[in-house]
Amino acid sequence: MCWSWYGKAQAMKKIILFILPLAVIFASCTKQDIGYRPPVDEAYWLKQERAVVTYSSFNCDFYVVETAYGFSVLQSWGGFTPLRGSVLYGNFSRYGVQTFYNRSEGYLVQANVMDYWLTYWDAMDQADYECSR
């Protein structure tokens, strides 16, 4: 079978129409520099109270963590809300804005401790109430 000029042009057109969107997609993917992060002194943070995030929602700044003394309700303070299952270290038994170490993801996070030493259901009720306001 002989290719004519017209057939070659049609084949090239199909190849270009297939490769061009792929080139645009791959060119739009960039690596974002998040800037300098100071190193985290794990020896300091691992001596603090340990907690595991038991409730977290993408549409609410409040989340619940489980500590050795009960459950605490925290409000994310100017950053990302930790994901469910993340391990945090810090002082969860004091009201106010605290800095915590998110060991699961390796960075420091700030949160406002709204209440602490709660039962599971009390913590979930308070988080639900705060999220619905």
Protein backbone atom coordinates (compact mmCIF):
# COMPACT_ATOMS: atom_id res chain seq x y z
CA MET A 1 0.00 0.00 0.00
CA CYS A 2 1.47 3.33 -1.03
CA TRP A 3 1.15 6.32 1.20
CA SER A 4 0.14 9.42 -0.52
CA TRP A 5 1.04 12.89 0.60
CA TYR A 6 -2.48 13.36 1.89
CA GLY A 7 -2.27 10.16 3.96
CA LYS A 8 1.05 11.21 5.48
CA ALA A 9 -0.36 14.62 6.39
CA GLN A 10 -3.39 13.01 8.07
CA ALA A 11 -1.13 10.68 10.07
CA MET A 12 1.07 13.61 11.19
CA LYS A 13 -2.04 15.58 12.17
CA LYS A 14 -3.24 12.71 14.38
CA ILE A 15 0.17 12.38 16.03
CA ILE A 16 0.40 16.11 16.71
CA LEU A 17 -3.15 16.26 18.08
CA PHE A 18 -2.27 13.39 20.44
CA ILE A 19 1.15 14.66 21.56
CA LEU A 20 0.29 18.37 21.93
CA PRO A 21 -2.17 17.93 24.87
CA LEU A 22 0.29 15.58 26.57
CA ALA A 23 3.06 18.15 26.20
CA VAL A 24 0.83 20.86 27.69
CA ILE A 25 -0.13 18.63 30.64
CA PHE A 26 3.46 17.63 31.40
CA ALA A 27 4.72 21.20 30.99
CA SER A 28 2.17 22.47 33.50
CA CYS A 29 3.39 20.11 36.25
CA THR A 30 5.95 21.96 38.30
CA LYS A 31 7.76 21.28 41.50
CA GLN A 32 6.87 23.88 44.10
CA ASP A 33 9.52 25.01 46.54
CA ILE A 34 7.96 25.28 49.99
CA GLY A 35 10.83 27.31 51.30
CA TYR A 36 13.26 26.76 54.11
CA ARG A 37 12.10 24.73 57.08
CA PRO A 38 14.23 24.80 60.20
CA PRO A 39 15.32 21.37 61.37
CA VAL A 40 13.09 19.79 64.02
CA ASP A 41 14.75 18.66 67.26
CA GLU A 42 13.05 15.27 67.65
CA ALA A 43 14.79 14.62 70.98
CA TYR A 44 12.89 17.56 72.48
CA TRP A 45 9.51 16.75 70.95
CA LEU A 46 9.53 13.02 71.69
CA LYS A 47 9.70 13.83 75.42
CA GLN A 48 6.34 15.63 75.14
CA GLU A 49 2.86 14.18 75.33
CA ARG A 50 1.94 11.90 72.39
CA ALA A 51 -1.43 12.06 70.62
CA VAL A 52 -3.05 10.46 67.60
CA VAL A 53 -5.55 12.34 65.44
CA THR A 54 -8.86 10.45 65.67
CA TYR A 55 -11.10 12.91 63.83
CA SER A 56 -10.20 15.35 61.07
CA SER A 57 -12.26 16.91 58.30
CA PHE A 58 -11.22 18.73 55.16
CA ASN A 59 -13.97 21.35 55.56
CA CYS A 60 -13.46 22.17 59.25
CA ASP A 61 -10.52 23.59 61.21
CA PHE A 62 -11.34 21.56 64.32
CA TYR A 63 -9.94 18.10 64.96
CA VAL A 64 -9.83 15.61 67.83
CA VAL A 65 -6.74 13.87 69.19
CA GLU A 66 -6.45 10.96 71.62
CA THR A 67 -3.88 11.29 74.40
CA ALA A 68 -3.04 9.13 77.41
CA TYR A 69 -5.39 11.30 79.53
CA GLY A 70 -8.38 11.39 77.20
CA PHE A 71 -9.37 13.31 74.10
CA SER A 72 -8.57 16.91 73.21
CA VAL A 73 -10.31 19.23 70.75
CA LEU A 74 -7.96 21.42 68.75
CA GLN A 75 -8.47 24.18 66.20
CA SER A 76 -5.94 24.44 63.40
CA TRP A 77 -4.12 27.75 63.66
CA GLY A 78 -2.86 29.15 60.39
CA GLY A 79 -1.85 25.95 58.70
CA PHE A 80 -2.97 22.57 57.48
CA THR A 81 -5.22 20.35 59.57
CA PRO A 82 -3.42 17.06 60.30
CA LEU A 83 -4.86 13.95 58.71
CA ARG A 84 -6.60 11.21 60.67
CA GLY A 85 -4.02 8.81 62.08
CA SER A 86 -1.22 11.40 62.27
CA VAL A 87 0.98 11.20 65.36
CA LEU A 88 1.50 14.53 67.15
CA TYR A 89 3.73 15.51 70.07
CA GLY A 90 3.29 18.51 72.35
CA ASN A 91 1.36 19.77 75.36
CA PHE A 92 -2.29 18.83 74.80
CA SER A 93 -3.28 19.45 78.44
CA ARG A 94 -3.23 23.24 78.44
CA TYR A 95 -5.60 25.77 76.89
CA GLY A 96 -4.44 28.20 74.23
CA VAL A 97 -2.35 28.26 71.10
CA GLN A 98 0.41 25.64 71.19
CA THR A 99 3.03 24.36 68.80
CA PHE A 100 2.97 20.64 68.05
CA TYR A 101 5.27 18.33 66.15
CA ASN A 102 3.53 16.30 63.46
CA ARG A 103 5.90 13.34 63.36
CA SER A 104 3.94 11.58 60.64
CA GLU A 105 4.70 14.36 58.18
CA GLY A 106 7.81 15.87 59.80
CA TYR A 107 6.83 19.48 60.44
CA LEU A 108 5.67 21.79 63.23
CA VAL A 109 2.03 22.84 63.36
CA GLN A 110 0.20 25.35 65.54
CA ALA A 111 -3.23 24.74 67.03
CA ASN A 112 -5.52 26.23 69.63
CA VAL A 113 -6.40 23.72 72.37
CA MET A 114 -10.12 24.28 72.93
CA ASP A 115 -10.64 21.57 75.58
CA TYR A 116 -8.81 18.55 76.94
CA TRP A 117 -9.24 15.37 79.06
CA LEU A 118 -12.62 14.68 77.48
CA THR A 119 -14.36 11.40 76.74
CA TYR A 120 -14.58 10.36 73.10
CA TRP A 121 -18.25 11.35 72.76
CA ASP A 122 -17.79 14.70 74.52
CA ALA A 123 -14.88 15.55 72.22
CA MET A 124 -16.84 14.54 69.12
CA ASP A 125 -19.87 16.56 70.26
CA GLN A 126 -17.74 19.64 70.82
CA ALA A 127 -15.95 19.29 67.47
CA ASP A 128 -19.30 18.78 65.73
CA TYR A 129 -20.75 21.84 67.46
CA GLU A 130 -17.75 24.02 66.56
CA CYS A 131 -17.76 22.82 62.94
CA SER A 132 -21.47 23.54 62.49
CA ARG A 133 -21.22 27.17 63.63
